[in-house]
Each structure stands twice: as C-alpha cells, then as structure tokens.
Amino acid sequence: MDQGTIPSLNFQPPIAAPQKRKPRGFLNPGKVRAFAFWVITVCIVVSIVASVLAIWDFSKSDALWRTIATCVVVAGGCGLFAIVNLSFGAPQDGSA
C-alpha cells in the first residue's frame, strides 16, 4: 500500500427501517382528499358548462350566476372540510 492512499473502509451505517405513519385526521385523510378533489372537479366542470350555455344564450344570465355561486360554495365547503379534518385529527405521535 502506498503512503499517499487511504485504505477504503466498507462500513455502512445502520439505516433505520422507515416507520409507517398513521394517517392524521378524524376521517381517513386520503379518502377525504379524494372526495374533495372529485367534488371540486365536478363543480368546475358544471360551472364551465353553465358559462358556455349562457354565452350561447341557451340559459339566462341569472341561472349562470346562481350555478357558479352554488358551485363556489360547495367546492369551498368541501375544501374547508378537508382542512378541518386534518386539524382535528389525532397528534402525529399517536399519543391521543
């Protein structure tokens, strides 16, 4: 061995096995998030369809604004529910 080279050590530090994290939320956060995603998506599609119908004069302007307002309220409530679900869940360490 040369004096200028350092011998290689094949030392691998121990790696802790990843711990499976329990979902945090009063209800299953994954299912709540999926539900919120689909409800918000449907609200966006309904709003787009109502807007196109109003543009082409197949519906009245009043119906357009009522439809859009309803979709905004439903989508906002669904998104807010997903956030509240996470905040009222058990602590991450599972002590509760």
PDB file of N, CA and C in Angstrom:
ATOM      1  N   MET A   1       0.847  -1.181   0.000  1.00  0.00           N
ATOM      2  CA  MET A   1       0.000   0.000   0.000  1.00  0.00           C
ATOM      3  C   MET A   1       0.887   1.235   0.000  1.00  0.00           C
ATOM      4  N   ASP A   2       0.542   2.232  -0.830  1.00  0.00           N
ATOM      5  CA  ASP A   2       1.291   3.481  -0.877  1.00  0.00           C
ATOM      6  C   ASP A   2       1.032   4.292   0.375  1.00  0.00           C
ATOM      7  N   GLN A   3       1.936   5.212   0.625  1.00  0.00           N
ATOM      8  CA  GLN A   3       1.730   6.107   1.744  1.00  0.00           C
ATOM      9  C   GLN A   3       0.701   7.180   1.398  1.00  0.00           C
ATOM     10  N   GLY A   4       0.496   7.467   0.113  1.00  0.00           N
ATOM     11  CA  GLY A   4      -0.412   8.523  -0.310  1.00  0.00           C
ATOM     12  C   GLY A   4      -1.866   8.082  -0.443  1.00  0.00           C
ATOM     13  N   THR A   5      -2.170   6.799  -0.319  1.00  0.00           N
ATOM     14  CA  THR A   5      -3.549   6.327  -0.474  1.00  0.00           C
ATOM     15  C   THR A   5      -4.139   5.981   0.879  1.00  0.00           C
ATOM     16  N   ILE A   6      -5.424   6.175   0.959  1.00  0.00           N
ATOM     17  CA  ILE A   6      -6.147   5.861   2.194  1.00  0.00           C
ATOM     18  C   ILE A   6      -6.897   4.561   1.953  1.00  0.00           C
ATOM     19  N   PRO A   7      -6.755   3.613   2.865  1.00  0.00           N
ATOM     20  CA  PRO A   7      -7.476   2.358   2.670  1.00  0.00           C
ATOM     21  C   PRO A   7      -8.985   2.605   2.755  1.00  0.00           C
ATOM     22  N   SER A   8      -9.732   1.934   1.871  1.00  0.00           N
ATOM     23  CA  SER A   8     -11.181   2.130   1.884  1.00  0.00           C
ATOM     24  C   SER A   8     -11.797   1.244   2.947  1.00  0.00           C
ATOM     25  N   LEU A   9     -12.713   1.805   3.643  1.00  0.00           N
ATOM     26  CA  LEU A   9     -13.444   1.055   4.660  1.00  0.00           C
ATOM     27  C   LEU A   9     -14.820   0.764   4.111  1.00  0.00           C
ATOM     28  N   ASN A  10     -15.227  -0.441   4.158  1.00  0.00           N
ATOM     29  CA  ASN A  10     -16.556  -0.815   3.676  1.00  0.00           C
ATOM     30  C   ASN A  10     -17.547  -0.779   4.836  1.00  0.00           C
ATOM     31  N   PHE A  11     -17.617   0.336   5.478  1.00  0.00           N
ATOM     32  CA  PHE A  11     -18.510   0.482   6.622  1.00  0.00           C
ATOM     33  C   PHE A  11     -19.799   1.161   6.173  1.00  0.00           C
ATOM     34  N   GLN A  12     -20.913   0.520   6.377  1.00  0.00           N
ATOM     35  CA  GLN A  12     -22.229   1.080   6.062  1.00  0.00           C
ATOM     36  C   GLN A  12     -22.933   1.388   7.380  1.00  0.00           C
ATOM     37  N   PRO A  13     -23.305   2.646   7.603  1.00  0.00           N
ATOM     38  CA  PRO A  13     -24.017   2.952   8.844  1.00  0.00           C
ATOM     39  C   PRO A  13     -25.378   2.263   8.849  1.00  0.00           C
ATOM     40  N   PRO A  14     -25.835   1.865  10.023  1.00  0.00           N
ATOM     41  CA  PRO A  14     -27.150   1.205  10.079  1.00  0.00           C
ATOM     42  C   PRO A  14     -28.252   2.183   9.674  1.00  0.00           C
ATOM     43  N   ILE A  15     -29.184   1.685   8.899  1.00  0.00           N
ATOM     44  CA  ILE A  15     -30.301   2.506   8.432  1.00  0.00           C
ATOM     45  C   ILE A  15     -31.553   2.016   9.126  1.00  0.00           C
ATOM     46  N   ALA A  16     -32.243   2.937   9.772  1.00  0.00           N
ATOM     47  CA  ALA A  16     -33.474   2.581  10.466  1.00  0.00           C
ATOM     48  C   ALA A  16     -34.563   2.282   9.442  1.00  0.00           C
ATOM     49  N   ALA A  17     -35.341   1.275   9.730  1.00  0.00           N
ATOM     50  CA  ALA A  17     -36.455   0.931   8.844  1.00  0.00           C
ATOM     51  C   ALA A  17     -37.472   2.062   8.886  1.00  0.00           C
ATOM     52  N   PRO A  18     -38.010   2.445   7.728  1.00  0.00           N
ATOM     53  CA  PRO A  18     -38.996   3.531   7.722  1.00  0.00           C
ATOM     54  C   PRO A  18     -40.238   3.113   8.518  1.00  0.00           C
ATOM     55  N   GLN A  19     -40.672   4.030   9.377  1.00  0.00           N
ATOM     56  CA  GLN A  19     -41.863   3.762  10.170  1.00  0.00           C
ATOM     57  C   GLN A  19     -43.088   4.139   9.372  1.00  0.00           C
ATOM     58  N   LYS A  20     -44.075   3.281   9.437  1.00  0.00           N
ATOM     59  CA  LYS A  20     -45.314   3.564   8.727  1.00  0.00           C
ATOM     60  C   LYS A  20     -46.091   4.594   9.537  1.00  0.00           C
ATOM     61  N   ARG A  21     -46.341   5.750   8.896  1.00  0.00           N
ATOM     62  CA  ARG A  21     -47.064   6.818   9.583  1.00  0.00           C
ATOM     63  C   ARG A  21     -48.556   6.570   9.478  1.00  0.00           C
ATOM     64  N   LYS A  22     -49.203   6.676  10.611  1.00  0.00           N
ATOM     65  CA  LYS A  22     -50.647   6.548  10.632  1.00  0.00           C
ATOM     66  C   LYS A  22     -51.245   7.831  10.068  1.00  0.00           C
ATOM     67  N   PRO A  23     -52.268   7.718   9.216  1.00  0.00           N
ATOM     68  CA  PRO A  23     -52.859   8.937   8.667  1.00  0.00           C
ATOM     69  C   PRO A  23     -53.369   9.843   9.780  1.00  0.00           C
ATOM     70  N   ARG A  24     -53.153  11.123   9.608  1.00  0.00           N
ATOM     71  CA  ARG A  24     -53.594  12.081  10.607  1.00  0.00           C
ATOM     72  C   ARG A  24     -54.884  12.714  10.129  1.00  0.00           C
ATOM     73  N   GLY A  25     -55.922  12.567  10.895  1.00  0.00           N
ATOM     74  CA  GLY A  25     -57.206  13.145  10.542  1.00  0.00           C
ATOM     75  C   GLY A  25     -58.312  12.413  11.255  1.00  0.00           C
ATOM     76  N   PHE A  26     -59.424  13.082  11.483  1.00  0.00           N
ATOM     77  CA  PHE A  26     -60.553  12.444  12.143  1.00  0.00           C
ATOM     78  C   PHE A  26     -61.087  11.329  11.254  1.00  0.00           C
ATOM     79  N   LEU A  27     -61.237  11.617   9.973  1.00  0.00           N
ATOM     80  CA  LEU A  27     -61.576  10.615   8.970  1.00  0.00           C
ATOM     81  C   LEU A  27     -60.326  10.338   8.155  1.00  0.00           C
ATOM     82  N   ASN A  28     -60.322   9.278   7.391  1.00  0.00           N
ATOM     83  CA  ASN A  28     -59.155   8.929   6.582  1.00  0.00           C
ATOM     84  C   ASN A  28     -58.821  10.081   5.631  1.00  0.00           C
ATOM     85  N   PRO A  29     -57.660  10.731   5.827  1.00  0.00           N
ATOM     86  CA  PRO A  29     -57.327  11.904   5.009  1.00  0.00           C
ATOM     87  C   PRO A  29     -57.232  11.613   3.518  1.00  0.00           C
ATOM     88  N   GLY A  30     -56.782  10.441   3.152  1.00  0.00           N
ATOM     89  CA  GLY A  30     -56.680  10.109   1.740  1.00  0.00           C
ATOM     90  C   GLY A  30     -58.046  10.066   1.065  1.00  0.00           C
ATOM     91  N   LYS A  31     -59.015   9.458   1.749  1.00  0.00           N
ATOM     92  CA  LYS A  31     -60.358   9.379   1.187  1.00  0.00           C
ATOM     93  C   LYS A  31     -61.033  10.743   1.182  1.00  0.00           C
ATOM     94  N   VAL A  32     -60.806  11.527   2.221  1.00  0.00           N
ATOM     95  CA  VAL A  32     -61.386  12.876   2.269  1.00  0.00           C
ATOM     96  C   VAL A  32     -60.797  13.736   1.166  1.00  0.00           C
ATOM     97  N   ARG A  33     -59.488  13.625   0.950  1.00  0.00           N
ATOM     98  CA  ARG A  33     -58.832  14.407  -0.101  1.00  0.00           C
ATOM     99  C   ARG A  33     -59.336  13.985  -1.475  1.00  0.00           C
ATOM    100  N   ALA A  34     -59.507  12.676  -1.691  1.00  0.00           N
ATOM    101  CA  ALA A  34     -60.023  12.200  -2.975  1.00  0.00           C
ATOM    102  C   ALA A  34     -61.457  12.676  -3.200  1.00  0.00           C
ATOM    103  N   PHE A  35     -62.278  12.613  -2.154  1.00  0.00           N
ATOM    104  CA  PHE A  35     -63.662  13.087  -2.256  1.00  0.00           C
ATOM    105  C   PHE A  35     -63.690  14.575  -2.578  1.00  0.00           C
ATOM    106  N   ALA A  36     -62.869  15.346  -1.869  1.00  0.00           N
ATOM    107  CA  ALA A  36     -62.813  16.795  -2.104  1.00  0.00           C
ATOM    108  C   ALA A  36     -62.341  17.093  -3.526  1.00  0.00           C
ATOM    109  N   PHE A  37     -61.364  16.345  -4.001  1.00  0.00           N
ATOM    110  CA  PHE A  37     -60.870  16.547  -5.366  1.00  0.00           C
ATOM    111  C   PHE A  37     -61.988  16.341  -6.381  1.00  0.00           C
ATOM    112  N   TRP A  38     -62.738  15.249  -6.248  1.00  0.00           N
ATOM    113  CA  TRP A  38     -63.782  14.961  -7.229  1.00  0.00           C
ATOM    114  C   TRP A  38     -64.943  15.943  -7.145  1.00  0.00           C
ATOM    115  N   VAL A  39     -65.309  16.349  -5.938  1.00  0.00           N
ATOM    116  CA  VAL A  39     -66.399  17.329  -5.806  1.00  0.00           C
ATOM    117  C   VAL A  39     -65.987  18.659  -6.422  1.00  0.00           C
ATOM    118  N   ILE A  40     -64.774  19.106  -6.140  1.00  0.00           N
ATOM    119  CA  ILE A  40     -64.295  20.373  -6.696  1.00  0.00           C
ATOM    120  C   ILE A  40     -64.182  20.277  -8.221  1.00  0.00           C
ATOM    121  N   THR A  41     -63.734  19.129  -8.726  1.00  0.00           N
ATOM    122  CA  THR A  41     -63.646  18.934 -10.179  1.00  0.00           C
ATOM    123  C   THR A  41     -65.019  18.999 -10.834  1.00  0.00           C
ATOM    124  N   VAL A  42     -66.010  18.347 -10.233  1.00  0.00           N
ATOM    125  CA  VAL A  42     -67.375  18.384 -10.765  1.00  0.00           C
ATOM    126  C   VAL A  42     -67.904  19.818 -10.738  1.00  0.00           C
ATOM    127  N   CYS A  43     -67.623  20.550  -9.659  1.00  0.00           N
ATOM    128  CA  CYS A  43     -68.074  21.944  -9.576  1.00  0.00           C
ATOM    129  C   CYS A  43     -67.455  22.797 -10.684  1.00  0.00           C
ATOM    130  N   ILE A  44     -66.192  22.576 -10.971  1.00  0.00           N
ATOM    131  CA  ILE A  44     -65.535  23.338 -12.042  1.00  0.00           C
ATOM    132  C   ILE A  44     -66.165  23.009 -13.388  1.00  0.00           C
ATOM    133  N   VAL A  45     -66.404  21.716 -13.647  1.00  0.00           N
ATOM    134  CA  VAL A  45     -66.998  21.312 -14.923  1.00  0.00           C
ATOM    135  C   VAL A  45     -68.411  21.878 -15.066  1.00  0.00           C
ATOM    136  N   VAL A  46     -69.211  21.814 -14.002  1.00  0.00           N
ATOM    137  CA  VAL A  46     -70.578  22.345 -14.051  1.00  0.00           C
ATOM    138  C   VAL A  46     -70.548  23.850 -14.311  1.00  0.00           C
ATOM    139  N   SER A  47     -69.620  24.551 -13.673  1.00  0.00           N
ATOM    140  CA  SER A  47     -69.506  25.999 -13.891  1.00  0.00           C
ATOM    141  C   SER A  47     -69.116  26.317 -15.326  1.00  0.00           C
ATOM    142  N   ILE A  48     -68.226  25.522 -15.894  1.00  0.00           N
ATOM    143  CA  ILE A  48     -67.813  25.746 -17.280  1.00  0.00           C
ATOM    144  C   ILE A  48     -68.985  25.501 -18.232  1.00  0.00           C
ATOM    145  N   VAL A  49     -69.714  24.406 -18.002  1.00  0.00           N
ATOM    146  CA  VAL A  49     -70.863  24.111 -18.863  1.00  0.00           C
ATOM    147  C   VAL A  49     -71.913  25.214 -18.754  1.00  0.00           C
ATOM    148  N   ALA A  50     -72.195  25.678 -17.528  1.00  0.00           N
ATOM    149  CA  ALA A  50     -73.180  26.753 -17.351  1.00  0.00           C
ATOM    150  C   ALA A  50     -72.720  28.032 -18.040  1.00  0.00           C
ATOM    151  N   SER A  51     -71.426  28.315 -17.980  1.00  0.00           N
ATOM    152  CA  SER A  51     -70.900  29.514 -18.639  1.00  0.00           C
ATOM    153  C   SER A  51     -71.034  29.426 -20.154  1.00  0.00           C
ATOM    154  N   VAL A  52     -70.716  28.271 -20.714  1.00  0.00           N
ATOM    155  CA  VAL A  52     -70.830  28.107 -22.164  1.00  0.00           C
ATOM    156  C   VAL A  52     -72.297  28.217 -22.599  1.00  0.00           C
ATOM    157  N   LEU A  53     -73.196  27.619 -21.827  1.00  0.00           N
ATOM    158  CA  LEU A  53     -74.624  27.726 -22.162  1.00  0.00           C
ATOM    159  C   LEU A  53     -75.102  29.173 -22.111  1.00  0.00           C
ATOM    160  N   ALA A  54     -74.614  29.939 -21.136  1.00  0.00           N
ATOM    161  CA  ALA A  54     -75.007  31.349 -21.042  1.00  0.00           C
ATOM    162  C   ALA A  54     -74.401  32.165 -22.182  1.00  0.00           C
ATOM    163  N   ILE A  55     -73.188  31.842 -22.567  1.00  0.00           N
ATOM    164  CA  ILE A  55     -72.556  32.558 -23.678  1.00  0.00           C
ATOM    165  C   ILE A  55     -73.351  32.361 -24.968  1.00  0.00           C
ATOM    166  N   TRP A  56     -73.845  31.155 -25.188  1.00  0.00           N
ATOM    167  CA  TRP A  56     -74.593  30.848 -26.402  1.00  0.00           C
ATOM    168  C   TRP A  56     -76.095  31.090 -26.241  1.00  0.00           C
ATOM    169  N   ASP A  57     -76.481  31.775 -25.195  1.00  0.00           N
ATOM    170  CA  ASP A  57     -77.877  32.137 -24.911  1.00  0.00           C
ATOM    171  C   ASP A  57     -78.825  30.951 -24.820  1.00  0.00           C
ATOM    172  N   PHE A  58     -78.328  29.826 -24.292  1.00  0.00           N
ATOM    173  CA  PHE A  58     -79.200  28.685 -24.032  1.00  0.00           C
ATOM    174  C   PHE A  58     -79.751  28.727 -22.610  1.00  0.00           C
ATOM    175  N   SER A  59     -79.190  29.590 -21.783  1.00  0.00           N
ATOM    176  CA  SER A  59     -79.707  29.774 -20.422  1.00  0.00           C
ATOM    177  C   SER A  59     -79.633  31.262 -20.081  1.00  0.00           C
ATOM    178  N   LYS A  60     -80.365  31.631 -19.063  1.00  0.00           N
ATOM    179  CA  LYS A  60     -80.388  33.041 -18.655  1.00  0.00           C
ATOM    180  C   LYS A  60     -79.154  33.363 -17.817  1.00  0.00           C
ATOM    181  N   SER A  61     -78.821  34.618 -17.790  1.00  0.00           N
ATOM    182  CA  SER A  61     -77.664  35.071 -17.021  1.00  0.00           C
ATOM    183  C   SER A  61     -77.866  34.812 -15.532  1.00  0.00           C
ATOM    184  N   ASP A  62     -79.102  34.929 -15.071  1.00  0.00           N
ATOM    185  CA  ASP A  62     -79.390  34.687 -13.661  1.00  0.00           C
ATOM    186  C   ASP A  62     -79.071  33.236 -13.276  1.00  0.00           C
ATOM    187  N   ALA A  63     -79.407  32.308 -14.151  1.00  0.00           N
ATOM    188  CA  ALA A  63     -79.110  30.893 -13.883  1.00  0.00           C
ATOM    189  C   ALA A  63     -77.596  30.658 -13.839  1.00  0.00           C
ATOM    190  N   LEU A  64     -76.874  31.362 -14.697  1.00  0.00           N
ATOM    191  CA  LEU A  64     -75.417  31.223 -14.710  1.00  0.00           C
ATOM    192  C   LEU A  64     -74.826  31.620 -13.373  1.00  0.00           C
ATOM    193  N   TRP A  65     -75.197  32.797 -12.867  1.00  0.00           N
ATOM    194  CA  TRP A  65     -74.600  33.276 -11.621  1.00  0.00           C
ATOM    195  C   TRP A  65     -75.032  32.438 -10.428  1.00  0.00           C
ATOM    196  N   ARG A  66     -76.249  31.938 -10.439  1.00  0.00           N
ATOM    197  CA  ARG A  66     -76.686  31.054  -9.352  1.00  0.00           C
ATOM    198  C   ARG A  66     -75.919  29.734  -9.380  1.00  0.00           C
ATOM    199  N   THR A  67     -75.695  29.217 -10.580  1.00  0.00           N
ATOM    200  CA  THR A  67     -74.943  27.961 -10.709  1.00  0.00           C
ATOM    201  C   THR A  67     -73.499  28.145 -10.262  1.00  0.00           C
ATOM    202  N   ILE A  68     -72.874  29.197 -10.703  1.00  0.00           N
ATOM    203  CA  ILE A  68     -71.482  29.441 -10.319  1.00  0.00           C
ATOM    204  C   ILE A  68     -71.371  29.688  -8.816  1.00  0.00           C
ATOM    205  N   ALA A  69     -72.289  30.473  -8.254  1.00  0.00           N
ATOM    206  CA  ALA A  69     -72.249  30.726  -6.813  1.00  0.00           C
ATOM    207  C   ALA A  69     -72.446  29.440  -6.017  1.00  0.00           C
ATOM    208  N   THR A  70     -73.360  28.590  -6.462  1.00  0.00           N
ATOM    209  CA  THR A  70     -73.578  27.316  -5.779  1.00  0.00           C
ATOM    210  C   THR A  70     -72.334  26.444  -5.846  1.00  0.00           C
ATOM    211  N   CYS A  71     -71.716  26.389  -7.011  1.00  0.00           N
ATOM    212  CA  CYS A  71     -70.506  25.580  -7.155  1.00  0.00           C
ATOM    213  C   CYS A  71     -69.355  26.112  -6.297  1.00  0.00           C
ATOM    214  N   VAL A  72     -69.225  27.418  -6.209  1.00  0.00           N
ATOM    215  CA  VAL A  72     -68.176  28.002  -5.368  1.00  0.00           C
ATOM    216  C   VAL A  72     -68.409  27.655  -3.903  1.00  0.00           C
ATOM    217  N   VAL A  73     -69.644  27.745  -3.448  1.00  0.00           N
ATOM    218  CA  VAL A  73     -69.952  27.430  -2.049  1.00  0.00           C
ATOM    219  C   VAL A  73     -69.697  25.952  -1.760  1.00  0.00           C
ATOM    220  N   VAL A  74     -70.156  25.071  -2.647  1.00  0.00           N
ATOM    221  CA  VAL A  74     -69.963  23.631  -2.432  1.00  0.00           C
ATOM    222  C   VAL A  74     -68.481  23.266  -2.474  1.00  0.00           C
ATOM    223  N   ALA A  75     -67.754  23.767  -3.466  1.00  0.00           N
ATOM    224  CA  ALA A  75     -66.328  23.465  -3.578  1.00  0.00           C
ATOM    225  C   ALA A  75     -65.550  24.045  -2.392  1.00  0.00           C
ATOM    226  N   GLY A  76     -65.867  25.261  -1.998  1.00  0.00           N
ATOM    227  CA  GLY A  76     -65.193  25.865  -0.844  1.00  0.00           C
ATOM    228  C   GLY A  76     -65.469  25.103   0.445  1.00  0.00           C
ATOM    229  N   GLY A  77     -66.716  24.697   0.631  1.00  0.00           N
ATOM    230  CA  GLY A  77     -67.059  23.914   1.823  1.00  0.00           C
ATOM    231  C   GLY A  77     -66.357  22.576   1.847  1.00  0.00           C
ATOM    232  N   CYS A  78     -66.249  21.948   0.707  1.00  0.00           N
ATOM    233  CA  CYS A  78     -65.585  20.646   0.625  1.00  0.00           C
ATOM    234  C   CYS A  78     -64.091  20.794   0.913  1.00  0.00           C
ATOM    235  N   GLY A  79     -63.465  21.804   0.350  1.00  0.00           N
ATOM    236  CA  GLY A  79     -62.051  22.054   0.624  1.00  0.00           C
ATOM    237  C   GLY A  79     -61.808  22.401   2.078  1.00  0.00           C
ATOM    238  N   LEU A  80     -62.684  23.212   2.641  1.00  0.00           N
ATOM    239  CA  LEU A  80     -62.570  23.573   4.053  1.00  0.00           C
ATOM    240  C   LEU A  80     -62.742  22.348   4.944  1.00  0.00           C
ATOM    241  N   PHE A  81     -63.664  21.452   4.585  1.00  0.00           N
ATOM    242  CA  PHE A  81     -63.851  20.231   5.361  1.00  0.00           C
ATOM    243  C   PHE A  81     -62.585  19.380   5.358  1.00  0.00           C
ATOM    244  N   ALA A  82     -61.903  19.290   4.214  1.00  0.00           N
ATOM    245  CA  ALA A  82     -60.666  18.515   4.145  1.00  0.00           C
ATOM    246  C   ALA A  82     -59.604  19.109   5.067  1.00  0.00           C
ATOM    247  N   ILE A  83     -59.530  20.431   5.145  1.00  0.00           N
ATOM    248  CA  ILE A  83     -58.557  21.093   6.023  1.00  0.00           C
ATOM    249  C   ILE A  83     -58.929  20.886   7.488  1.00  0.00           C
ATOM    250  N   VAL A  84     -60.207  21.047   7.813  1.00  0.00           N
ATOM    251  CA  VAL A  84     -60.655  20.868   9.195  1.00  0.00           C
ATOM    252  C   VAL A  84     -60.449  19.422   9.634  1.00  0.00           C
ATOM    253  N   ASN A  85     -60.666  18.477   8.736  1.00  0.00           N
ATOM    254  CA  ASN A  85     -60.457  17.066   9.065  1.00  0.00           C
ATOM    255  C   ASN A  85     -59.027  16.825   9.532  1.00  0.00           C
ATOM    256  N   LEU A  86     -58.068  17.444   8.862  1.00  0.00           N
ATOM    257  CA  LEU A  86     -56.665  17.268   9.261  1.00  0.00           C
ATOM    258  C   LEU A  86     -56.367  17.936  10.605  1.00  0.00           C
ATOM    259  N   SER A  87     -56.980  19.074  10.860  1.00  0.00           N
ATOM    260  CA  SER A  87     -56.655  19.799  12.095  1.00  0.00           C
ATOM    261  C   SER A  87     -57.288  19.161  13.331  1.00  0.00           C
ATOM    262  N   PHE A  88     -58.371  18.408  13.184  1.00  0.00           N
ATOM    263  CA  PHE A  88     -58.991  17.764  14.330  1.00  0.00           C
ATOM    264  C   PHE A  88     -58.579  16.308  14.484  1.00  0.00           C
ATOM    265  N   GLY A  89     -57.573  15.875  13.757  1.00  0.00           N
ATOM    266  CA  GLY A  89     -57.106  14.504  13.853  1.00  0.00           C
ATOM    267  C   GLY A  89     -56.229  14.309  15.079  1.00  0.00           C
ATOM    268  N   ALA A  90     -55.887  13.058  15.316  1.00  0.00           N
ATOM    269  CA  ALA A  90     -55.002  12.720  16.445  1.00  0.00           C
ATOM    270  C   ALA A  90     -53.611  13.271  16.164  1.00  0.00           C
ATOM    271  N   PRO A  91     -52.834  13.563  17.221  1.00  0.00           N
ATOM    272  CA  PRO A  91     -51.461  14.036  17.013  1.00  0.00           C
ATOM    273  C   PRO A  91     -50.644  12.998  16.255  1.00  0.00           C
ATOM    274  N   GLN A  92     -49.584  13.460  15.600  1.00  0.00           N
ATOM    275  CA  GLN A  92     -48.772  12.602  14.747  1.00  0.00           C
ATOM    276  C   GLN A  92     -48.113  11.459  15.515  1.00  0.00           C
ATOM    277  N   ASP A  93     -47.766  11.692  16.796  1.00  0.00           N
ATOM    278  CA  ASP A  93     -47.071  10.648  17.556  1.00  0.00           C
ATOM    279  C   ASP A  93     -48.007   9.568  18.073  1.00  0.00           C
ATOM    280  N   GLY A  94     -49.318   9.752  17.909  1.00  0.00           N
ATOM    281  CA  GLY A  94     -50.289   8.743  18.307  1.00  0.00           C
ATOM    282  C   GLY A  94     -50.561   8.709  19.804  1.00  0.00           C
ATOM    283  N   SER A  95     -50.224   9.790  20.520  1.00  0.00           N
ATOM    284  CA  SER A  95     -50.387   9.800  21.971  1.00  0.00           C
ATOM    285  C   SER A  95     -51.825  10.041  22.397  1.00  0.00           C
ATOM    286  N   ALA A  96     -52.708  10.431  21.498  1.00  0.00           N
ATOM    287  CA  ALA A  96     -54.081  10.693  21.893  1.00  0.00           C
ATOM    288  C   ALA A  96     -54.984   9.523  21.601  1.00  0.00           C
TER     289      ALA A  96
END
